[in-house]
Amino acid sequence: MINSFEILETVQMIEKQKLDIRTITMGISLLDCCHSDINIACDRIYDKITSCAEDLVKVGEQISLEYGIPIINKRIAVTPISIIAASADEDDYVKFAKTLDRAAQTVGVNFIGGFSTLVHKGYTKGDMNLIKAIPEALDITETVCSSVNVATSKSGINMDAVRQMGEVIKETAERTADRDGIGCAKLVVFANAPEDNPFMAGAFHGVGEPECVINVGVSGPGTVKKALESVKGKSFDVVSETIKKTAFKITRMGQLVANEAAKRLNVPFGIVDLSLAPTPDVGDSVARILEEMGLESCGAPGTTAALALLNDAVKKGGIMASSHVGGLSGAFIPVSEDEGMIAAVNSGSLNIEKLEAMTCVCSVGLDMIAIPGDTSAHTISAIIADEAAIGVINNKTTAVRIIPAPGKNAGDTVEFGGLLGRAPVMEVNRFSSEDFIKRGGRIPAPVHSFKN
């Protein structure tokens, strides 16, 4: 039974602590859209998306209005296009990106994910064509997001793909130089990519997923920080319990929205992603949660331990509140999308090396980080390799979403607007990794991957 205190508490979380549903994401299978004629395939894709997601935005707005719960984004994730496009008689996959963009704009969603491919063990022709198309696709579309999985704990790291993605990121930045390289903000390179992630830019609808499904991503860093203010100076046992209880309440709201959206859209409920996703707004920061635990600034010694506690407690609290948890689930640490992270970079307490250490225990990886525009493709590839290694060895999802900002140097700022925020350009180690990256091949899977 929900009592009046719990209702008032939830209202306060929404009104004063920026609690929201970050996204309702509809996953749509496009496996039945394959055709050798690329124009027929694109027509099928457009018709399938606009039919399945016709009421997605309307339903999200209705639920938000009826329950008083802010729902920030409505999004779509589709089957990796490299799989669908492989049957086509043309190699120019930019046509598929244009189709996705047109469908997304027709139904009114914020983003559509799935211009994606999985190359952790090697390439098919479809994989190669899709990766080749990424820079142009992200330049000429507004809503399309792209992801490439280059490693898994079972297969190791495809270093040929790692090398290529450094070059793709550079080209994407250059093609969108007039917008501070914003194309790279819609491109993520994964290790151990999940099939049911509702968050962009890495969302795609895995081949093991249903025909159509609703996944929800919750948020609430401000709510967690406010809860910790009431236990200032208390032991970490108390801190952990406080976060767990708060995460439970946040996730219950997500479960409610997910079930209601699934019922109204007549599709199955998939998962709730428990991730704490920050925004550039003051009071909605993961960095400020870590500082509330006693750190002078995010990045100070102890930051990784604080983040580990936060991530674990969020999962423990959230997993009790939902029948199906998935996606990434934990705490995101994007620089441009978190005002506390931005402040920590500007104060000198947080650098890329510390962020890399934090990714060992966070939800994803190096996220929305701007670096000098003259950073070489080999260096970017090496950064991707480091993150992939963390994911492969620790059997967790890691990712890199990095922006080599054209014409910008360390200390400058790039502006993206909206949820993408603004990013201070961070210094990168200038020693060369070129010979390392040129080796190519595959870094084998770790010994603990052999579990059968």
Protein backbone atom coordinates (compact mmCIF):
# COMPACT_ATOMS: atom_id res chain seq x y z
CA MET A 1 0.00 0.00 0.00
CA ILE A 2 1.38 3.42 -0.98
CA ASN A 3 0.84 5.98 1.78
CA SER A 4 0.54 9.77 1.56
CA PHE A 5 4.14 10.30 2.71
CA GLU A 6 5.51 8.21 -0.17
CA ILE A 7 3.36 10.16 -2.66
CA LEU A 8 4.61 13.50 -1.34
CA GLU A 9 8.18 12.19 -1.32
CA THR A 10 7.95 11.21 -4.98
CA VAL A 11 6.43 14.58 -5.89
CA GLN A 12 9.33 16.32 -4.17
CA MET A 13 11.84 14.11 -6.00
CA ILE A 14 10.31 15.15 -9.33
CA GLU A 15 9.86 18.84 -8.61
CA LYS A 16 13.02 19.65 -6.65
CA GLN A 17 15.54 16.87 -7.32
CA LYS A 18 15.17 16.45 -11.10
CA LEU A 19 13.92 12.86 -10.94
CA ASP A 20 12.76 11.75 -14.35
CA ILE A 21 12.39 8.90 -16.80
CA ARG A 22 15.29 9.60 -19.11
CA THR A 23 13.94 7.57 -22.01
CA ILE A 24 11.26 5.24 -23.28
CA THR A 25 12.94 3.29 -26.08
CA MET A 26 11.02 1.06 -28.45
CA GLY A 27 13.09 -1.78 -29.88
CA ILE A 28 11.97 -2.91 -33.34
CA SER A 29 13.17 -5.97 -35.26
CA LEU A 30 13.89 -5.28 -38.93
CA LEU A 31 14.81 -8.86 -39.83
CA ASP A 32 11.75 -9.15 -42.06
CA CYS A 33 12.78 -6.04 -44.01
CA CYS A 34 15.73 -7.60 -45.85
CA HIS A 35 15.63 -7.48 -49.64
CA SER A 36 18.14 -7.57 -52.47
CA ASP A 37 16.70 -4.32 -53.87
CA ILE A 38 17.95 -1.57 -51.56
CA ASN A 39 14.97 0.66 -52.34
CA ILE A 40 12.48 -2.05 -51.40
CA ALA A 41 14.45 -2.77 -48.21
CA CYS A 42 14.41 0.91 -47.25
CA ASP A 43 10.68 1.17 -47.95
CA ARG A 44 10.07 -1.84 -45.73
CA ILE A 45 12.19 -0.34 -42.95
CA TYR A 46 10.35 2.98 -43.10
CA ASP A 47 6.94 1.31 -43.08
CA LYS A 48 7.86 -1.04 -40.21
CA ILE A 49 9.21 1.74 -37.98
CA THR A 50 6.42 4.21 -38.63
CA SER A 51 3.80 1.50 -38.08
CA CYS A 52 5.25 0.11 -34.83
CA ALA A 53 6.18 3.48 -33.32
CA GLU A 54 3.23 5.48 -34.60
CA ASP A 55 1.89 6.14 -31.07
CA LEU A 56 5.16 6.03 -29.10
CA VAL A 57 5.53 9.76 -28.56
CA LYS A 58 1.81 10.29 -27.91
CA VAL A 59 1.70 7.53 -25.30
CA GLY A 60 4.82 8.84 -23.59
CA GLU A 61 3.29 12.30 -23.34
CA GLN A 62 0.00 10.90 -22.04
CA ILE A 63 1.72 8.91 -19.29
CA SER A 64 3.85 11.90 -18.33
CA LEU A 65 0.75 14.12 -18.07
CA GLU A 66 -1.41 11.60 -16.21
CA TYR A 67 1.19 10.53 -13.66
CA GLY A 68 3.13 13.80 -13.40
CA ILE A 69 6.39 12.03 -14.23
CA PRO A 70 8.74 13.81 -16.65
CA ILE A 71 9.67 11.56 -19.59
CA ILE A 72 12.55 13.34 -21.28
CA ASN A 73 13.15 11.30 -24.44
CA LYS A 74 11.26 8.91 -26.68
CA ARG A 75 13.62 6.83 -28.82
CA ILE A 76 13.78 3.87 -31.17
CA ALA A 77 16.38 1.11 -31.46
CA VAL A 78 16.47 -1.22 -34.46
CA THR A 79 18.25 -4.38 -35.54
CA PRO A 80 21.87 -3.60 -36.50
CA ILE A 81 21.64 -2.27 -40.03
CA SER A 82 24.74 -4.18 -41.13
CA ILE A 83 22.65 -7.37 -40.81
CA ILE A 84 19.63 -6.02 -42.65
CA ALA A 85 21.64 -4.34 -45.41
CA ALA A 86 23.80 -7.38 -46.16
CA SER A 87 21.17 -8.69 -48.60
CA ALA A 88 21.04 -5.45 -50.58
CA ASP A 89 22.45 -5.16 -54.07
CA GLU A 90 24.18 -1.84 -53.35
CA ASP A 91 27.13 -1.01 -51.12
CA ASP A 92 26.10 2.56 -50.25
CA TYR A 93 24.54 2.15 -46.80
CA VAL A 94 24.02 5.89 -46.33
CA LYS A 95 20.60 5.26 -47.91
CA PHE A 96 19.66 3.19 -44.89
CA ALA A 97 20.71 6.01 -42.53
CA LYS A 98 18.56 8.47 -44.46
CA THR A 99 15.61 6.08 -44.17
CA LEU A 100 16.07 5.72 -40.42
CA ASP A 101 16.27 9.50 -40.04
CA ARG A 102 13.13 10.05 -42.11
CA ALA A 103 11.21 7.44 -40.11
CA ALA A 104 12.38 8.89 -36.78
CA GLN A 105 11.29 12.37 -37.78
CA THR A 106 7.93 11.09 -39.01
CA VAL A 107 7.07 9.54 -35.63
CA GLY A 108 8.71 12.41 -33.70
CA VAL A 109 11.33 10.60 -31.61
CA ASN A 110 14.52 12.27 -30.39
CA PHE A 111 16.98 9.64 -31.62
CA ILE A 112 17.05 6.34 -33.46
CA GLY A 113 19.83 3.85 -32.74
CA GLY A 114 20.94 0.85 -34.74
CA PHE A 115 23.13 2.12 -37.55
CA SER A 116 25.37 -0.45 -35.98
CA THR A 117 27.54 -3.49 -36.50
CA LEU A 118 29.18 -6.25 -34.45
CA VAL A 119 32.75 -6.99 -35.56
CA HIS A 120 34.38 -8.42 -32.44
CA LYS A 121 35.65 -11.48 -34.37
CA GLY A 122 35.86 -10.09 -37.89
CA TYR A 123 34.05 -8.46 -40.78
CA THR A 124 31.37 -9.43 -43.25
CA LYS A 125 30.79 -7.40 -46.39
CA GLY A 126 27.85 -5.73 -44.66
CA ASP A 127 30.00 -4.78 -41.69
CA MET A 128 32.61 -3.16 -43.91
CA ASN A 129 30.03 -1.21 -45.89
CA LEU A 130 28.32 0.07 -42.78
CA ILE A 131 31.52 1.25 -41.09
CA LYS A 132 32.56 2.98 -44.31
CA ALA A 133 29.23 4.84 -44.33
CA ILE A 134 29.32 6.08 -40.72
CA PRO A 135 31.01 9.49 -41.20
CA GLU A 136 28.67 10.61 -43.98
CA ALA A 137 25.61 9.09 -42.31
CA LEU A 138 26.20 10.98 -39.05
CA ASP A 139 26.94 14.16 -40.95
CA ILE A 140 23.76 14.32 -43.02
CA THR A 141 21.22 12.94 -40.51
CA GLU A 142 19.80 14.55 -37.38
CA THR A 143 18.54 11.66 -35.28
CA VAL A 144 20.60 8.62 -36.32
CA CYS A 145 23.05 7.11 -33.82
CA SER A 146 25.73 4.55 -34.59
CA SER A 147 27.61 1.93 -32.62
CA VAL A 148 30.30 -0.64 -33.34
CA ASN A 149 31.14 -3.55 -31.05
CA VAL A 150 34.86 -4.38 -31.38
CA ALA A 151 35.40 -6.79 -28.48
CA THR A 152 33.81 -9.34 -26.18
CA SER A 153 35.09 -11.29 -23.21
CA LYS A 154 34.48 -14.50 -25.20
CA SER A 155 36.30 -13.49 -28.37
CA GLY A 156 38.91 -10.90 -27.33
CA ILE A 157 39.59 -7.60 -29.12
CA ASN A 158 39.49 -7.12 -32.87
CA MET A 159 42.43 -4.75 -33.22
CA ASP A 160 41.82 -4.28 -36.95
CA ALA A 161 38.41 -2.84 -36.08
CA VAL A 162 39.93 -0.78 -33.28
CA ARG A 163 42.39 0.75 -35.73
CA GLN A 164 39.65 1.48 -38.24
CA MET A 165 37.37 3.12 -35.68
CA GLY A 166 40.07 5.63 -34.77
CA GLU A 167 40.10 6.67 -38.43
CA VAL A 168 36.29 6.72 -38.62
CA ILE A 169 36.04 8.96 -35.56
CA LYS A 170 38.56 11.39 -37.04
CA GLU A 171 36.71 11.51 -40.36
CA THR A 172 33.35 11.97 -38.61
CA ALA A 173 34.75 14.89 -36.60
CA GLU A 174 36.14 16.53 -39.73
CA ARG A 175 32.88 16.15 -41.64
CA THR A 176 31.00 17.87 -38.80
CA ALA A 177 33.73 20.41 -37.99
CA ASP A 178 31.29 23.31 -38.43
CA ARG A 179 29.36 21.89 -35.43
CA ASP A 180 32.37 21.17 -33.18
CA GLY A 181 32.51 17.55 -34.39
CA ILE A 182 29.03 16.71 -33.12
CA GLY A 183 28.84 13.65 -35.36
CA CYS A 184 31.15 11.87 -32.90
CA ALA A 185 28.61 12.48 -30.12
CA LYS A 186 26.31 10.08 -31.99
CA LEU A 187 28.95 7.33 -32.35
CA VAL A 188 30.06 4.86 -29.69
CA VAL A 189 32.60 2.01 -29.83
CA PHE A 190 31.74 -0.90 -27.52
CA ALA A 191 33.18 -3.93 -25.83
CA ASN A 192 30.49 -6.39 -24.67
CA ALA A 193 27.63 -4.31 -26.08
CA PRO A 194 24.23 -5.23 -24.55
CA GLU A 195 21.31 -6.02 -26.88
CA ASP A 196 18.66 -4.21 -24.82
CA ASN A 197 20.30 -0.87 -23.98
CA PRO A 198 17.74 1.99 -24.14
CA PHE A 199 20.37 4.76 -24.00
CA MET A 200 21.93 6.50 -26.98
CA ALA A 201 24.20 6.51 -28.81
CA GLY A 202 24.69 2.79 -28.20
CA ALA A 203 21.14 1.47 -28.46
CA PHE A 204 20.34 -1.29 -30.94
CA HIS A 205 17.78 -4.09 -31.01
CA GLY A 206 19.62 -7.38 -30.66
CA VAL A 207 18.75 -10.44 -32.72
CA GLY A 208 17.73 -12.25 -29.53
CA GLU A 209 15.11 -9.62 -28.74
CA PRO A 210 11.34 -9.87 -29.47
CA GLU A 211 9.65 -8.48 -32.58
CA CYS A 212 8.94 -5.24 -30.71
CA VAL A 213 9.62 -4.29 -27.10
CA ILE A 214 9.61 -1.35 -24.67
CA ASN A 215 12.74 -0.63 -22.62
CA VAL A 216 12.94 2.22 -20.13
CA GLY A 217 15.94 4.10 -18.78
CA VAL A 218 15.56 5.84 -15.42
CA SER A 219 17.70 8.57 -13.94
CA GLY A 220 17.86 10.58 -10.72
CA PRO A 221 21.38 11.66 -9.67
CA GLY A 222 19.88 14.68 -7.91
CA THR A 223 17.61 12.43 -5.85
CA VAL A 224 20.53 10.26 -4.73
CA LYS A 225 22.61 13.30 -3.78
CA LYS A 226 19.73 14.75 -1.75
CA ALA A 227 19.33 11.46 0.11
CA LEU A 228 23.04 11.42 0.97
CA GLU A 229 22.83 14.94 2.39
CA SER A 230 20.75 13.48 5.22
CA VAL A 231 23.53 11.05 6.23
CA LYS A 232 26.50 13.41 6.10
CA GLY A 233 29.45 12.03 8.07
CA LYS A 234 27.86 8.60 8.55
CA SER A 235 29.70 5.36 7.72
CA PHE A 236 29.82 3.84 4.25
CA ASP A 237 27.45 1.10 5.46
CA VAL A 238 24.84 3.81 5.94
CA VAL A 239 25.75 5.48 2.64
CA SER A 240 25.26 2.21 0.77
CA GLU A 241 21.91 1.49 2.40
CA THR A 242 20.71 5.02 1.66
CA ILE A 243 21.59 4.74 -2.02
CA LYS A 244 19.98 1.29 -2.25
CA LYS A 245 16.69 2.56 -0.81
CA THR A 246 16.70 5.58 -3.10
CA ALA A 247 17.50 3.47 -6.17
CA PHE A 248 14.60 1.19 -5.26
CA LYS A 249 12.17 4.12 -5.29
CA ILE A 250 13.55 5.48 -8.56
CA THR A 251 13.33 2.09 -10.25
CA ARG A 252 9.78 1.45 -9.06
CA MET A 253 8.76 4.59 -10.91
CA GLY A 254 10.55 3.30 -14.01
CA GLN A 255 8.80 -0.07 -13.72
CA LEU A 256 5.44 1.69 -13.49
CA VAL A 257 6.09 3.74 -16.63
CA ALA A 258 7.50 0.75 -18.53
CA ASN A 259 4.50 -1.45 -17.77
CA GLU A 260 2.03 1.29 -18.60
CA ALA A 261 3.73 2.17 -21.88
CA ALA A 262 3.95 -1.49 -22.90
CA LYS A 263 0.26 -2.04 -22.14
CA ARG A 264 -0.90 1.02 -24.07
CA LEU A 265 1.32 0.27 -27.06
CA ASN A 266 0.39 -3.44 -26.95
CA VAL A 267 4.00 -4.63 -27.00
CA PRO A 268 6.00 -6.58 -24.39
CA PHE A 269 7.84 -4.83 -21.56
CA GLY A 270 11.55 -5.57 -21.90
CA ILE A 271 13.80 -4.12 -19.20
CA VAL A 272 14.38 -1.18 -16.91
CA ASP A 273 17.91 0.19 -17.16
CA LEU A 274 18.91 1.40 -13.70
CA SER A 275 21.59 3.81 -14.87
CA LEU A 276 21.98 7.18 -13.18
CA ALA A 277 22.19 9.40 -16.27
CA PRO A 278 23.23 12.99 -15.51
CA THR A 279 22.41 16.16 -17.45
CA PRO A 280 24.24 19.49 -17.78
CA ASP A 281 21.76 21.02 -15.29
CA VAL A 282 23.00 21.99 -11.84
CA GLY A 283 21.76 19.44 -9.30
CA ASP A 284 21.65 16.54 -11.74
CA SER A 285 25.24 15.31 -11.51
CA VAL A 286 26.91 12.00 -10.69
CA ALA A 287 30.10 13.89 -9.81
CA ARG A 288 28.23 15.78 -7.08
CA ILE A 289 27.09 12.47 -5.56
CA LEU A 290 30.73 11.37 -5.24
CA GLU A 291 31.64 14.72 -3.68
CA GLU A 292 28.76 14.37 -1.23
CA MET A 293 30.52 11.25 0.06
CA GLY A 294 33.39 13.45 1.20
CA LEU A 295 35.61 14.17 -1.79
CA GLU A 296 36.68 17.78 -2.25
CA SER A 297 36.34 17.36 -6.01
CA CYS A 298 35.53 14.49 -8.33
CA GLY A 299 38.86 13.02 -9.39
CA ALA A 300 40.49 13.32 -5.99
CA PRO A 301 41.98 10.13 -4.48
CA GLY A 302 39.07 7.96 -3.39
CA THR A 303 36.91 8.78 -6.43
CA THR A 304 37.10 5.29 -7.91
CA ALA A 305 36.14 3.70 -4.60
CA ALA A 306 33.22 6.10 -4.19
CA LEU A 307 32.01 5.33 -7.71
CA ALA A 308 32.29 1.59 -7.08
CA LEU A 309 30.10 1.91 -4.00
CA LEU A 310 27.57 4.03 -5.89
CA ASN A 311 27.37 1.67 -8.85
CA ASP A 312 26.96 -1.41 -6.68
CA ALA A 313 24.35 0.14 -4.40
CA VAL A 314 22.29 1.42 -7.34
CA LYS A 315 22.19 -2.08 -8.81
CA LYS A 316 21.34 -3.75 -5.50
CA GLY A 317 18.49 -1.34 -4.83
CA GLY A 318 17.17 -1.29 -8.36
CA ILE A 319 17.21 -5.00 -9.00
CA MET A 320 14.73 -5.57 -6.16
CA ALA A 321 12.34 -3.03 -7.67
CA SER A 322 11.93 -4.45 -11.18
CA SER A 323 11.13 -7.88 -12.51
CA HIS A 324 13.42 -7.35 -15.51
CA VAL A 325 16.62 -5.30 -15.28
CA GLY A 326 19.04 -4.94 -18.17
CA GLY A 327 20.80 -2.54 -20.48
CA LEU A 328 23.82 -0.96 -18.84
CA SER A 329 22.53 -0.27 -15.30
CA GLY A 330 24.78 1.69 -12.97
CA ALA A 331 26.21 5.20 -13.10
CA PHE A 332 27.18 7.09 -16.24
CA ILE A 333 30.16 9.44 -16.13
CA PRO A 334 29.88 11.52 -19.32
CA VAL A 335 31.91 14.70 -19.10
CA SER A 336 29.89 17.04 -21.31
CA GLU A 337 26.55 15.88 -19.84
CA ASP A 338 27.48 16.34 -16.16
CA GLU A 339 28.08 19.82 -14.76
CA GLY A 340 30.05 18.40 -11.84
CA MET A 341 32.38 16.51 -14.17
CA ILE A 342 32.88 19.68 -16.23
CA ALA A 343 33.75 21.62 -13.08
CA ALA A 344 36.19 18.90 -11.99
CA VAL A 345 37.97 18.98 -15.37
CA ASN A 346 38.16 22.77 -15.30
CA SER A 347 39.60 22.76 -11.77
CA GLY A 348 42.31 20.28 -12.76
CA SER A 349 41.19 17.48 -10.44
CA LEU A 350 39.95 15.17 -13.22
CA ASN A 351 41.87 13.98 -16.27
CA ILE A 352 41.45 11.22 -18.87
CA GLU A 353 43.70 8.81 -16.97
CA LYS A 354 41.53 9.12 -13.85
CA LEU A 355 38.38 8.75 -15.93
CA GLU A 356 39.81 5.55 -17.40
CA ALA A 357 40.39 4.19 -13.90
CA MET A 358 36.80 5.07 -12.98
CA THR A 359 35.47 3.14 -15.97
CA CYS A 360 36.63 -0.08 -14.33
CA VAL A 361 33.74 0.26 -11.89
CA CYS A 362 31.14 2.46 -13.64
CA SER A 363 28.28 1.64 -15.98
CA VAL A 364 30.00 2.23 -19.32
CA GLY A 365 33.28 3.98 -20.15
CA LEU A 366 34.91 7.12 -21.53
CA ASP A 367 31.80 9.02 -22.49
CA MET A 368 31.31 12.40 -24.22
CA ILE A 369 34.92 13.49 -23.83
CA ALA A 370 36.28 16.23 -26.09
CA ILE A 371 39.98 16.06 -26.98
CA PRO A 372 42.21 18.29 -29.14
CA GLY A 373 41.30 18.18 -32.81
CA ASP A 374 44.85 17.32 -33.87
CA THR A 375 44.84 14.08 -31.84
CA SER A 376 45.91 11.30 -34.21
CA ALA A 377 43.68 8.43 -35.27
CA HIS A 378 46.24 6.03 -33.80
CA THR A 379 45.96 7.67 -30.37
CA ILE A 380 42.15 7.49 -30.50
CA SER A 381 42.40 3.80 -31.46
CA ALA A 382 44.73 3.18 -28.53
CA ILE A 383 42.24 4.83 -26.15
CA ILE A 384 39.55 2.52 -27.55
CA ALA A 385 41.87 -0.48 -27.07
CA ASP A 386 42.47 0.44 -23.42
CA GLU A 387 38.73 0.66 -22.73
CA ALA A 388 38.04 -2.57 -24.60
CA ALA A 389 40.69 -4.31 -22.49
CA ILE A 390 38.98 -3.15 -19.30
CA GLY A 391 35.68 -4.54 -20.55
CA VAL A 392 37.08 -7.84 -21.80
CA ILE A 393 39.14 -8.62 -18.72
CA ASN A 394 36.42 -7.57 -16.26
CA ASN A 395 33.56 -9.13 -18.24
CA LYS A 396 31.63 -5.86 -18.33
CA THR A 397 30.41 -3.39 -20.92
CA THR A 398 32.80 -0.57 -21.71
CA ALA A 399 32.61 2.03 -24.44
CA VAL A 400 34.26 5.09 -25.92
CA ARG A 401 32.37 8.14 -27.16
CA ILE A 402 35.08 10.66 -27.83
CA ILE A 403 35.12 13.88 -29.85
CA PRO A 404 38.38 15.14 -31.42
CA ALA A 405 37.10 18.72 -31.68
CA PRO A 406 38.35 20.25 -34.93
CA GLY A 407 40.47 23.35 -34.41
CA LYS A 408 40.26 23.11 -30.63
CA ASN A 409 43.08 22.75 -28.12
CA ALA A 410 43.22 21.59 -24.49
CA GLY A 411 41.47 24.18 -22.34
CA ASP A 412 39.00 25.24 -25.03
CA THR A 413 35.29 24.41 -24.82
CA VAL A 414 32.89 22.89 -27.34
CA GLU A 415 29.14 23.49 -27.23
CA PHE A 416 26.62 20.88 -28.30
CA GLY A 417 23.46 22.07 -26.55
CA GLY A 418 20.57 20.15 -25.02
CA LEU A 419 21.34 16.92 -23.18
CA LEU A 420 24.71 16.69 -24.97
CA GLY A 421 25.83 19.80 -23.08
CA ARG A 422 29.24 21.40 -23.38
CA ALA A 423 32.66 19.84 -23.00
CA PRO A 424 36.01 21.21 -21.89
CA VAL A 425 38.69 19.95 -24.28
CA MET A 426 40.92 17.59 -22.28
CA GLU A 427 44.64 17.02 -22.72
CA VAL A 428 45.70 13.69 -24.20
CA ASN A 429 49.00 11.88 -23.67
CA ARG A 430 51.14 12.91 -26.65
CA PHE A 431 53.42 9.87 -26.76
CA SER A 432 52.80 7.77 -29.88
CA SER A 433 50.89 4.48 -30.02
CA GLU A 434 51.19 4.18 -33.81
CA ASP A 435 53.38 1.07 -33.97
CA PHE A 436 51.17 -0.64 -31.39
CA ILE A 437 48.00 0.00 -33.37
CA LYS A 438 49.56 -0.93 -36.73
CA ARG A 439 50.11 -4.52 -35.56
CA GLY A 440 46.44 -5.38 -36.16
CA GLY A 441 45.06 -8.87 -35.66
CA ARG A 442 43.22 -9.91 -32.52
CA ILE A 443 44.08 -9.72 -28.84
CA PRO A 444 42.94 -13.17 -27.62
CA ALA A 445 40.18 -13.66 -25.10
CA PRO A 446 41.32 -13.94 -21.47
CA VAL A 447 41.70 -17.33 -19.88
CA HIS A 448 38.65 -16.86 -17.66
CA SER A 449 36.44 -16.66 -20.79
CA PHE A 450 36.64 -20.45 -21.21
CA LYS A 451 33.72 -21.44 -19.01
CA ASN A 452 31.91 -24.11 -21.05
